[in-house]
Amino acid sequence: MVATVTLFSSCKKFLDKRPIDAATDANFWNNENEAQTAIAGAYALLRASLLEKGMAYYYYGDYPTDEFLNSRPQEDYSSLGNIQWNTFIASTETFRALIRMRSWDNFYRGIDQANRCLKYIPNIPLDKFTSANKAVVKDGLIAEAYFLRAFTYFVMARVWGDVPLVLETVENAATAPNPPRTAQNEVLDQCIKDLEAAIPKMVWAPAGANRAIRASKATAYALLAHIFAWKGDYAKVIPAADSVLLKGGFTPVTKNSTASINTVYRGNSNEGIFEIAKNSNVEGANGQTTDVVNGNFYAKTLKTPYLLTQTGNATMPLDPITLNTMFPDSNDYRRRYGFAFWGTSDPINIKNSGTSIIVYTGANNTSPLILNNMIIFRLQDIQLLKAEAAAATNDFSTARNLLGVVRTQANAQPSTATDAQLFEAIIDERGRELFMEGHRFYDLIRLMRKTGINKFNGSSPVVRMTDAEFTAGKYYWPVDPLIITLNPNLQQTPFWR
């Protein structure tokens, strides 16, 4: 696991660690450098789980929504996008995207690494740390491990609902127990406990190139706000969001051009709260160039002249009817500068384009690398999450003011939503602001839970989810049968049994 750190290169001081080929718990965990390497490995494993098949984070959070047409029969696209997640695939075809999306093994590799860090880093003597403020550094690494475990379990809880809760590393995998699924509320409560343990040990924001890619107090409070929103505990969302907004020091980027929008997604902008580092040409290392481009979510949503190697239509087409409904204001910067081919049958989103993000490493503009960071939390996300919580708790004035702040930043007209319509209007605004950033599916779940309004289907020829199917829990993924075969104590997700 520690060797996987080389997959996660962005910052010379932290992420460009030399791989240790034969590390064991007996000869490792001796000093600050090894502790830093172990934490970097935990980030690398989180990155690997979110980028499974190049797109896992977006397959879960965007693709099965009204953003996409999902009319392609090729490969697993139709099943993935139309919430036909129980489609049979032979067990030998483990390379298939649908099998990989139904599998949580990569997530548990990351959790085990976080558990290892929590077990061993506290035992490293303080005199083995070389930083000027040894105790602060040591505490910070322990806090990052708590955060990474909490974040990973939160992702899994939103995807699968109930998941096995494993809080200790296993010394011998051959003798490891087969844990059953733990109730989602218990998992989320553990996430909250982990964050409460982490926050006192954290700084508000790391300095320099590490600022957005290493967890901080602001990152932890942003995650807390999202956990409370998912639980429907909106009164607790507000103080967590306020901690980010009032103390985090984040400021909005003026997005009045495509180039300025691209700076946000290149990474480490002034509004970036937490990002998965993905923006160095290690993306093309070890012969992975073709996989990176063909498997990259944004590569599949671009075409020439924004991606010169895609001369036809985008591989994953957006839903133009949804776009026209979602972005009615032609002066809205997010529509004006965030899309190309507007009004055609194949519009594309160009947030992750431009020369600062896409570089060509082969002759004649071939072998492109897409060097965007994966944006997990940013300023407007938390502003709108607080607005959502205010609307849910009938503080309509605060909700309207925050909604207005985001719309003003985007050069959009003030909202005309009534108080009764305000919760839906804020979810709609999140759709505009966070388009294709991995939030839409979960936003629509919260909208349906709160209002009963179903917006999953768009104009797709296939109805993704009916109201009755939603009530029955169709929005939680099935577990791949291979995993259940290996662990007889697991039961299938209720809807998919």
Protein backbone atom coordinates (compact mmCIF):
# COMPACT_ATOMS: atom_id res chain seq x y z
CA MET A 1 0.00 0.00 0.00
CA VAL A 2 2.78 2.40 0.85
CA ALA A 3 4.27 1.86 -2.59
CA THR A 4 1.11 3.24 -4.19
CA VAL A 5 2.14 6.70 -3.06
CA THR A 6 3.86 7.23 -6.40
CA LEU A 7 0.46 7.28 -8.07
CA PHE A 8 -0.44 10.46 -6.20
CA SER A 9 2.18 13.03 -7.15
CA SER A 10 1.54 16.74 -6.98
CA CYS A 11 3.64 18.30 -4.24
CA LYS A 12 7.38 17.71 -4.00
CA LYS A 13 7.50 17.87 -0.21
CA PHE A 14 4.61 15.52 0.51
CA LEU A 15 3.34 13.50 -2.40
CA ASP A 16 6.50 12.75 -4.36
CA LYS A 17 7.68 10.13 -1.90
CA ARG A 18 10.13 7.43 -2.97
CA PRO A 19 8.35 4.06 -2.92
CA ILE A 20 9.38 1.58 -0.26
CA ASP A 21 9.34 -1.82 -1.91
CA ALA A 22 9.46 -4.15 1.07
CA ALA A 23 7.99 -2.24 3.97
CA THR A 24 6.45 -4.27 6.76
CA ASP A 25 5.02 -3.15 10.07
CA ALA A 26 8.14 -4.60 11.73
CA ASN A 27 10.63 -2.43 9.85
CA PHE A 28 8.45 0.61 9.22
CA TRP A 29 6.82 3.28 11.46
CA ASN A 30 10.11 4.52 12.86
CA ASN A 31 10.21 8.26 12.17
CA GLU A 32 8.45 11.33 10.75
CA ASN A 33 9.39 10.60 7.16
CA GLU A 34 7.83 7.15 7.31
CA ALA A 35 4.71 8.53 8.98
CA GLN A 36 4.38 11.13 6.20
CA THR A 37 4.89 8.41 3.59
CA ALA A 38 2.18 6.26 5.19
CA ILE A 39 -0.31 9.14 5.20
CA ALA A 40 0.56 9.94 1.58
CA GLY A 41 -0.17 6.29 0.82
CA ALA A 42 -3.59 6.64 2.45
CA TYR A 43 -4.37 9.64 0.21
CA ALA A 44 -3.17 7.63 -2.79
CA LEU A 45 -5.53 4.78 -1.95
CA LEU A 46 -8.44 7.19 -1.56
CA ARG A 47 -7.55 8.60 -4.96
CA ALA A 48 -7.44 5.11 -6.45
CA SER A 49 -10.89 4.26 -5.11
CA LEU A 50 -12.47 7.48 -6.42
CA LEU A 51 -10.80 7.01 -9.80
CA GLU A 52 -11.63 3.32 -10.27
CA LYS A 53 -12.12 2.84 -14.03
CA GLY A 54 -11.08 6.51 -14.25
CA MET A 55 -14.52 7.73 -13.24
CA ALA A 56 -15.97 6.08 -10.11
CA TYR A 57 -16.61 9.34 -8.27
CA TYR A 58 -18.63 10.64 -11.23
CA TYR A 59 -20.32 7.34 -12.02
CA TYR A 60 -21.72 7.48 -8.50
CA GLY A 61 -22.40 11.21 -8.27
CA ASP A 62 -23.30 12.48 -11.76
CA TYR A 63 -23.88 9.89 -14.43
CA PRO A 64 -27.20 8.42 -13.18
CA THR A 65 -28.90 11.85 -13.20
CA ASP A 66 -30.69 14.23 -15.51
CA GLU A 67 -27.32 15.73 -16.57
CA PHE A 68 -26.77 12.89 -19.06
CA LEU A 69 -28.81 11.30 -21.85
CA ASN A 70 -27.50 7.78 -21.18
CA SER A 71 -28.75 6.52 -24.52
CA ARG A 72 -25.55 4.66 -25.46
CA PRO A 73 -25.81 0.87 -25.59
CA GLN A 74 -22.03 0.32 -25.65
CA GLU A 75 -20.19 -1.33 -22.79
CA ASP A 76 -21.84 -0.67 -19.39
CA TYR A 77 -22.88 2.92 -20.02
CA SER A 78 -26.61 2.20 -20.27
CA SER A 79 -26.71 0.12 -17.09
CA LEU A 80 -24.60 2.59 -15.14
CA GLY A 81 -26.51 5.67 -16.22
CA ASN A 82 -30.04 4.28 -16.12
CA ILE A 83 -29.73 2.75 -12.62
CA GLN A 84 -29.85 -0.80 -13.95
CA TRP A 85 -27.07 -1.70 -11.57
CA ASN A 86 -27.95 -5.38 -11.17
CA THR A 87 -27.22 -6.23 -14.81
CA PHE A 88 -25.64 -9.69 -14.92
CA ILE A 89 -21.98 -9.86 -15.84
CA ALA A 90 -19.92 -13.05 -15.85
CA SER A 91 -17.67 -13.26 -12.80
CA THR A 92 -14.63 -13.64 -15.04
CA GLU A 93 -15.13 -10.14 -16.50
CA THR A 94 -13.72 -8.34 -13.49
CA PHE A 95 -12.47 -5.52 -15.72
CA ARG A 96 -16.04 -4.35 -16.45
CA ALA A 97 -17.02 -0.96 -15.05
CA LEU A 98 -20.27 -2.25 -13.57
CA ILE A 99 -18.47 -4.91 -11.54
CA ARG A 100 -15.91 -2.39 -10.33
CA MET A 101 -18.61 0.12 -9.32
CA ARG A 102 -20.43 -2.58 -7.33
CA SER A 103 -17.22 -3.49 -5.51
CA TRP A 104 -15.92 -1.72 -2.44
CA ASP A 105 -12.54 -3.45 -2.12
CA ASN A 106 -10.50 -0.38 -3.04
CA PHE A 107 -12.31 1.67 -0.41
CA TYR A 108 -11.44 -0.89 2.25
CA ARG A 109 -7.79 -0.85 1.21
CA GLY A 110 -7.80 2.86 1.97
CA ILE A 111 -9.63 2.34 5.26
CA ASP A 112 -7.11 -0.29 6.29
CA GLN A 113 -4.25 2.10 5.56
CA ALA A 114 -5.95 4.80 7.67
CA ASN A 115 -6.42 2.24 10.46
CA ARG A 116 -2.74 1.29 10.21
CA CYS A 117 -1.76 4.96 10.53
CA LEU A 118 -4.01 5.35 13.57
CA LYS A 119 -2.46 2.27 15.16
CA TYR A 120 1.22 2.96 14.54
CA ILE A 121 1.83 6.72 14.21
CA PRO A 122 0.90 7.46 17.86
CA ASN A 123 3.66 5.06 18.93
CA ILE A 124 6.45 6.78 16.98
CA PRO A 125 8.60 8.60 19.57
CA LEU A 126 8.40 12.37 19.36
CA ASP A 127 12.17 12.66 19.11
CA LYS A 128 11.97 10.79 15.77
CA PHE A 129 10.13 13.76 14.26
CA THR A 130 12.40 16.32 12.62
CA SER A 131 9.99 19.23 12.07
CA ALA A 132 10.39 22.31 14.25
CA ASN A 133 7.03 21.76 15.94
CA LYS A 134 7.16 18.02 16.42
CA ALA A 135 3.95 17.57 18.41
CA VAL A 136 1.86 19.63 15.99
CA VAL A 137 3.12 17.62 13.02
CA LYS A 138 2.51 14.29 14.72
CA ASP A 139 -0.98 15.29 15.84
CA GLY A 140 -1.72 16.57 12.34
CA LEU A 141 -0.84 13.24 10.74
CA ILE A 142 -3.07 11.38 13.19
CA ALA A 143 -5.87 13.85 12.42
CA GLU A 144 -5.47 13.28 8.68
CA ALA A 145 -5.86 9.54 9.21
CA TYR A 146 -9.10 10.13 11.13
CA PHE A 147 -10.34 12.41 8.36
CA LEU A 148 -9.50 9.97 5.58
CA ARG A 149 -11.32 7.15 7.34
CA ALA A 150 -14.36 9.37 7.95
CA PHE A 151 -14.44 10.65 4.37
CA THR A 152 -14.12 7.16 2.89
CA TYR A 153 -16.92 5.78 5.05
CA PHE A 154 -19.13 8.76 4.17
CA VAL A 155 -18.61 8.09 0.45
CA MET A 156 -19.44 4.41 0.97
CA ALA A 157 -22.52 5.15 3.08
CA ARG A 158 -23.97 7.38 0.37
CA VAL A 159 -23.26 4.75 -2.29
CA TRP A 160 -24.26 1.51 -0.53
CA GLY A 161 -26.12 2.58 2.63
CA ASP A 162 -25.16 -0.04 5.21
CA VAL A 163 -21.50 -1.11 4.96
CA PRO A 164 -19.21 -3.16 7.23
CA LEU A 165 -17.60 -0.90 9.83
CA VAL A 166 -13.96 -1.89 10.35
CA LEU A 167 -11.99 0.26 12.79
CA GLU A 168 -8.83 -1.78 13.27
CA THR A 169 -6.23 -3.04 10.84
CA VAL A 170 -5.97 -6.80 10.43
CA GLU A 171 -2.51 -8.27 10.89
CA ASN A 172 -3.24 -11.50 9.01
CA ALA A 173 -5.78 -11.23 6.21
CA ALA A 174 -6.13 -15.01 6.08
CA THR A 175 -7.59 -15.06 9.59
CA ALA A 176 -9.65 -11.87 9.29
CA PRO A 177 -13.30 -12.15 10.32
CA ASN A 178 -16.11 -11.67 7.79
CA PRO A 179 -17.98 -8.63 9.11
CA PRO A 180 -21.67 -8.07 8.31
CA ARG A 181 -23.01 -4.75 7.07
CA THR A 182 -23.34 -2.07 9.78
CA ALA A 183 -26.39 0.21 9.89
CA GLN A 184 -25.72 3.41 7.97
CA ASN A 185 -26.55 5.66 10.93
CA GLU A 186 -23.94 3.87 13.03
CA VAL A 187 -21.38 4.31 10.26
CA LEU A 188 -22.15 8.02 9.95
CA ASP A 189 -22.01 8.46 13.71
CA GLN A 190 -18.51 6.95 13.63
CA CYS A 191 -17.57 9.42 10.87
CA ILE A 192 -18.67 12.25 13.15
CA LYS A 193 -16.63 10.83 16.05
CA ASP A 194 -13.57 10.58 13.83
CA LEU A 195 -13.93 14.20 12.74
CA GLU A 196 -14.44 15.36 16.31
CA ALA A 197 -11.18 13.59 17.18
CA ALA A 198 -9.41 15.13 14.18
CA ILE A 199 -10.48 18.78 14.31
CA PRO A 200 -8.64 19.84 17.51
CA LYS A 201 -5.38 18.50 16.06
CA MET A 202 -5.69 20.31 12.71
CA VAL A 203 -4.70 23.70 11.32
CA TRP A 204 -7.25 25.76 9.41
CA ALA A 205 -5.45 25.34 6.09
CA PRO A 206 -2.02 23.91 5.16
CA ALA A 207 0.31 26.33 3.46
CA GLY A 208 1.35 26.47 -0.17
CA ALA A 209 0.80 23.65 -2.62
CA ASN A 210 -0.65 21.38 0.08
CA ARG A 211 -3.48 23.79 0.90
CA ALA A 212 -6.37 22.05 -0.83
CA ILE A 213 -5.04 18.51 -1.09
CA ARG A 214 -4.35 17.83 2.58
CA ALA A 215 -7.14 17.76 5.13
CA SER A 216 -7.53 20.74 7.47
CA LYS A 217 -10.06 22.07 9.97
CA ALA A 218 -11.97 23.65 7.09
CA THR A 219 -11.98 20.35 5.19
CA ALA A 220 -13.22 18.47 8.24
CA TYR A 221 -16.00 20.99 8.94
CA ALA A 222 -17.04 20.84 5.27
CA LEU A 223 -17.34 17.06 5.56
CA LEU A 224 -19.29 17.42 8.81
CA ALA A 225 -21.74 19.77 7.08
CA HIS A 226 -22.28 17.22 4.30
CA ILE A 227 -22.75 14.35 6.75
CA PHE A 228 -25.39 16.26 8.70
CA ALA A 229 -27.17 17.24 5.47
CA TRP A 230 -27.23 13.61 4.34
CA LYS A 231 -28.66 12.60 7.72
CA GLY A 232 -31.31 15.33 7.39
CA ASP A 233 -30.01 16.96 10.58
CA TYR A 234 -30.08 20.43 9.05
CA ALA A 235 -29.78 22.40 12.30
CA LYS A 236 -26.26 20.98 12.70
CA VAL A 237 -25.29 21.76 9.11
CA ILE A 238 -25.32 25.50 9.79
CA PRO A 239 -22.61 25.78 12.50
CA ALA A 240 -20.37 23.34 10.60
CA ALA A 241 -20.77 25.36 7.39
CA ASP A 242 -20.21 28.62 9.30
CA SER A 243 -16.88 27.29 10.57
CA VAL A 244 -15.78 26.92 6.94
CA LEU A 245 -17.25 30.18 5.68
CA LEU A 246 -16.17 32.42 8.56
CA LYS A 247 -12.76 30.96 9.44
CA GLY A 248 -11.51 29.09 6.39
CA GLY A 249 -10.23 32.12 4.51
CA PHE A 250 -11.72 31.04 1.15
CA THR A 251 -12.64 33.59 -1.50
CA PRO A 252 -14.52 33.12 -4.80
CA VAL A 253 -12.77 33.09 -8.14
CA THR A 254 -14.33 35.53 -10.62
CA LYS A 255 -15.38 33.18 -13.40
CA ASN A 256 -16.01 35.66 -16.21
CA SER A 257 -14.15 33.65 -18.85
CA THR A 258 -13.53 30.02 -19.68
CA ALA A 259 -9.87 30.48 -18.74
CA SER A 260 -10.77 31.76 -15.26
CA ILE A 261 -13.17 28.83 -14.77
CA ASN A 262 -10.39 26.45 -15.80
CA THR A 263 -8.15 27.80 -13.02
CA VAL A 264 -10.55 26.40 -10.40
CA TYR A 265 -10.36 22.89 -11.85
CA ARG A 266 -6.63 22.97 -12.49
CA GLY A 267 -6.52 22.92 -8.72
CA ASN A 268 -5.60 24.76 -5.52
CA SER A 269 -7.63 27.88 -6.29
CA ASN A 270 -8.72 30.35 -3.60
CA GLU A 271 -12.11 28.65 -3.34
CA GLY A 272 -10.86 25.06 -3.24
CA ILE A 273 -11.48 23.43 0.17
CA PHE A 274 -10.60 19.80 -0.56
CA GLU A 275 -9.32 18.30 -3.78
CA ILE A 276 -7.86 15.00 -4.91
CA ALA A 277 -4.50 15.76 -6.50
CA LYS A 278 -4.53 14.62 -10.09
CA ASN A 279 -2.75 17.40 -11.88
CA SER A 280 0.73 16.22 -12.73
CA ASN A 281 1.99 14.25 -15.69
CA VAL A 282 2.45 11.19 -13.49
CA GLU A 283 -1.03 10.62 -14.99
CA GLY A 284 0.74 9.29 -18.04
CA ALA A 285 3.41 7.30 -16.24
CA ASN A 286 3.98 3.56 -16.59
CA GLY A 287 2.26 3.35 -19.95
CA GLN A 288 -1.02 4.69 -18.59
CA THR A 289 -1.47 7.53 -21.06
CA THR A 290 -4.14 5.77 -23.13
CA ASP A 291 -6.00 4.61 -20.05
CA VAL A 292 -5.97 8.09 -18.56
CA VAL A 293 -7.50 9.68 -21.64
CA ASN A 294 -9.92 6.91 -22.55
CA GLY A 295 -10.96 6.35 -18.96
CA ASN A 296 -11.02 9.95 -17.81
CA PHE A 297 -14.52 11.25 -17.09
CA TYR A 298 -13.87 14.64 -18.60
CA ALA A 299 -12.22 13.15 -21.67
CA LYS A 300 -15.46 11.31 -22.34
CA THR A 301 -17.46 14.53 -22.14
CA LEU A 302 -15.23 16.66 -24.42
CA LYS A 303 -14.63 16.80 -28.17
CA THR A 304 -12.64 18.84 -30.68
CA PRO A 305 -11.56 21.64 -30.55
CA TYR A 306 -11.45 21.22 -26.76
CA LEU A 307 -10.03 17.69 -26.97
CA LEU A 308 -8.34 17.28 -30.32
CA THR A 309 -8.29 13.49 -30.28
CA GLN A 310 -12.11 13.25 -30.06
CA THR A 311 -13.29 14.25 -33.52
CA GLY A 312 -16.87 13.00 -33.30
CA ASN A 313 -19.54 13.66 -30.69
CA ALA A 314 -18.75 13.38 -26.99
CA THR A 315 -18.63 9.79 -25.77
CA MET A 316 -20.96 10.56 -22.86
CA PRO A 317 -23.58 13.03 -24.19
CA LEU A 318 -25.21 15.62 -21.96
CA ASP A 319 -28.98 16.08 -21.90
CA PRO A 320 -29.64 19.34 -23.84
CA ILE A 321 -33.21 19.58 -22.52
CA THR A 322 -31.97 19.47 -18.94
CA LEU A 323 -29.35 22.10 -19.73
CA ASN A 324 -31.93 24.50 -21.17
CA THR A 325 -34.10 24.04 -18.10
CA MET A 326 -31.21 24.30 -15.65
CA PHE A 327 -29.54 27.33 -17.25
CA PRO A 328 -32.29 29.65 -18.53
CA ASP A 329 -30.21 32.84 -18.08
CA SER A 330 -27.91 33.39 -21.06
CA ASN A 331 -25.87 35.93 -19.07
CA ASP A 332 -25.04 33.39 -16.39
CA TYR A 333 -21.26 32.97 -16.48
CA ARG A 334 -21.63 29.25 -15.81
CA ARG A 335 -23.65 28.81 -19.01
CA ARG A 336 -21.84 31.43 -21.08
CA TYR A 337 -18.28 30.31 -20.32
CA GLY A 338 -18.75 26.79 -18.97
CA PHE A 339 -20.28 25.16 -22.07
CA ALA A 340 -19.66 24.91 -25.79
CA PHE A 341 -22.00 23.94 -28.63
CA TRP A 342 -24.93 25.30 -26.64
CA GLY A 343 -28.20 24.85 -28.48
CA THR A 344 -26.99 21.83 -30.45
CA SER A 345 -27.85 18.19 -29.88
CA ASP A 346 -24.37 17.60 -28.41
CA PRO A 347 -23.43 20.40 -26.00
CA ILE A 348 -20.34 19.86 -23.87
CA ASN A 349 -19.10 21.17 -20.54
CA ILE A 350 -15.68 22.82 -20.83
CA LYS A 351 -14.76 23.45 -17.18
CA ASN A 352 -11.89 21.00 -17.53
CA SER A 353 -10.40 22.15 -20.81
CA GLY A 354 -7.89 24.72 -22.00
CA THR A 355 -4.11 24.70 -22.23
CA SER A 356 -3.65 24.86 -18.47
CA ILE A 357 -5.41 21.50 -18.08
CA ILE A 358 -5.00 19.52 -21.31
CA VAL A 359 -1.50 18.93 -22.66
CA TYR A 360 -0.47 16.73 -25.57
CA THR A 361 2.60 14.58 -25.06
CA GLY A 362 2.72 13.02 -28.53
CA ALA A 363 3.46 14.36 -31.97
CA ASN A 364 0.70 16.20 -33.85
CA ASN A 365 -1.40 16.81 -30.72
CA THR A 366 -1.73 13.16 -29.72
CA SER A 367 -1.49 11.42 -26.33
CA PRO A 368 -3.35 14.07 -24.32
CA LEU A 369 -3.17 14.26 -20.54
CA ILE A 370 -5.98 15.91 -18.57
CA LEU A 371 -4.38 17.50 -15.53
CA ASN A 372 -7.37 18.71 -13.53
CA ASN A 373 -7.71 18.11 -9.82
CA MET A 374 -10.84 16.33 -8.62
CA ILE A 375 -12.75 19.04 -6.74
CA ILE A 376 -14.49 17.53 -3.72
CA PHE A 377 -15.49 20.61 -1.69
CA ARG A 378 -15.25 24.26 -2.64
CA LEU A 379 -16.58 27.56 -1.32
CA GLN A 380 -19.87 27.75 -3.25
CA ASP A 381 -20.71 24.15 -2.36
CA ILE A 382 -20.65 25.05 1.35
CA GLN A 383 -22.44 28.36 0.81
CA LEU A 384 -25.29 26.54 -0.93
CA LEU A 385 -25.28 23.70 1.59
CA LYS A 386 -25.82 26.24 4.36
CA ALA A 387 -28.56 27.87 2.25
CA GLU A 388 -30.20 24.46 1.85
CA ALA A 389 -30.08 23.92 5.61
CA ALA A 390 -31.51 27.38 6.27
CA ALA A 391 -34.40 26.71 3.88
CA ALA A 392 -35.02 23.32 5.50
CA THR A 393 -35.24 24.97 8.94
CA ASN A 394 -37.50 27.79 7.66
CA ASP A 395 -34.85 30.51 7.91
CA PHE A 396 -35.83 31.77 4.50
CA SER A 397 -34.06 35.13 4.81
CA THR A 398 -30.65 33.52 5.36
CA ALA A 399 -31.31 30.96 2.63
CA ARG A 400 -32.30 33.65 0.14
CA ASN A 401 -29.28 35.82 0.98
CA LEU A 402 -26.83 32.96 0.47
CA LEU A 403 -28.52 31.93 -2.75
CA GLY A 404 -28.20 35.54 -3.89
CA VAL A 405 -24.49 35.60 -3.07
CA VAL A 406 -23.79 32.63 -5.33
CA ARG A 407 -26.01 33.93 -8.12
CA THR A 408 -24.35 37.34 -7.98
CA GLN A 409 -20.93 35.71 -8.26
CA ALA A 410 -22.21 33.96 -11.40
CA ASN A 411 -23.74 37.11 -12.92
CA ALA A 412 -27.22 35.57 -12.69
CA GLN A 413 -30.45 37.41 -11.91
CA PRO A 414 -31.88 37.18 -8.37
CA SER A 415 -34.05 34.15 -7.67
CA THR A 416 -37.82 34.63 -7.81
CA ALA A 417 -38.59 31.45 -5.84
CA THR A 418 -41.19 31.72 -3.10
CA ASP A 419 -40.43 30.47 0.39
CA ALA A 420 -42.23 27.23 -0.45
CA GLN A 421 -40.07 26.81 -3.56
CA LEU A 422 -36.79 27.88 -1.99
CA PHE A 423 -35.41 24.45 -1.01
CA GLU A 424 -35.90 23.20 -4.58
CA ALA A 425 -34.42 26.42 -5.98
CA ILE A 426 -31.26 25.92 -3.92
CA ILE A 427 -30.89 22.33 -5.11
CA ASP A 428 -31.32 23.64 -8.67
CA GLU A 429 -28.61 26.22 -7.97
CA ARG A 430 -26.29 23.49 -6.76
CA GLY A 431 -26.93 21.76 -10.07
CA ARG A 432 -25.81 24.86 -11.94
CA GLU A 433 -22.85 25.72 -9.75
CA LEU A 434 -21.54 22.19 -9.22
CA PHE A 435 -22.35 20.74 -12.63
CA MET A 436 -20.43 17.49 -13.19
CA GLU A 437 -18.57 17.77 -9.87
CA GLY A 438 -19.94 14.59 -8.32
CA HIS A 439 -22.78 16.13 -6.26
CA ARG A 440 -25.91 15.94 -8.39
CA PHE A 441 -27.13 12.43 -7.55
CA TYR A 442 -26.92 13.01 -3.80
CA ASP A 443 -28.50 16.47 -4.12
CA LEU A 444 -31.47 14.93 -5.92
CA ILE A 445 -31.82 12.30 -3.20
CA ARG A 446 -32.02 15.03 -0.54
CA LEU A 447 -34.52 16.93 -2.70
CA MET A 448 -36.72 13.86 -3.04
CA ARG A 449 -36.51 13.10 0.67
CA LYS A 450 -37.45 16.65 1.64
CA THR A 451 -40.03 17.59 -1.01
CA GLY A 452 -41.01 14.45 -2.92
CA ILE A 453 -39.87 16.11 -6.17
CA ASN A 454 -38.27 13.56 -8.52
CA LYS A 455 -35.74 15.00 -11.00
CA PHE A 456 -33.63 11.93 -11.75
CA ASN A 457 -35.02 11.15 -15.18
CA GLY A 458 -34.48 14.19 -17.39
CA SER A 459 -35.37 13.44 -21.01
CA SER A 460 -33.69 10.03 -21.04
CA PRO A 461 -35.77 7.45 -22.96
CA VAL A 462 -35.43 5.16 -19.92
CA VAL A 463 -37.06 6.06 -16.61
CA ARG A 464 -34.19 5.79 -14.18
CA MET A 465 -36.17 5.79 -10.96
CA THR A 466 -39.87 6.01 -10.16
CA ASP A 467 -41.19 7.45 -6.92
CA ALA A 468 -42.00 3.95 -5.67
CA GLU A 469 -38.50 2.72 -6.53
CA PHE A 470 -37.00 5.65 -4.66
CA THR A 471 -39.06 4.81 -1.58
CA ALA A 472 -37.82 1.22 -1.84
CA GLY A 473 -34.18 2.42 -1.81
CA LYS A 474 -33.16 1.94 -5.43
CA TYR A 475 -30.62 4.77 -5.10
CA TYR A 476 -28.31 2.58 -3.02
CA TRP A 477 -26.00 0.41 -5.10
CA PRO A 478 -26.02 -3.38 -4.98
CA VAL A 479 -22.92 -5.16 -3.75
CA ASP A 480 -21.29 -7.25 -6.42
CA PRO A 481 -22.18 -10.96 -5.98
CA LEU A 482 -18.47 -11.84 -5.96
CA ILE A 483 -18.07 -10.00 -2.65
CA ILE A 484 -21.07 -11.74 -1.11
CA THR A 485 -19.68 -15.09 -2.22
CA LEU A 486 -16.44 -14.31 -0.39
CA ASN A 487 -18.19 -13.10 2.76
CA PRO A 488 -21.25 -15.20 3.69
CA ASN A 489 -22.17 -12.74 6.47
CA LEU A 490 -23.10 -10.08 3.93
CA GLN A 491 -26.61 -9.55 2.59
CA GLN A 492 -27.48 -7.85 -0.66
CA THR A 493 -28.76 -4.25 -0.63
CA PRO A 494 -32.51 -4.62 0.07
CA PHE A 495 -33.85 -3.15 -3.20
CA TRP A 496 -31.62 -5.40 -5.30
CA ARG A 497 -32.18 -8.70 -3.50
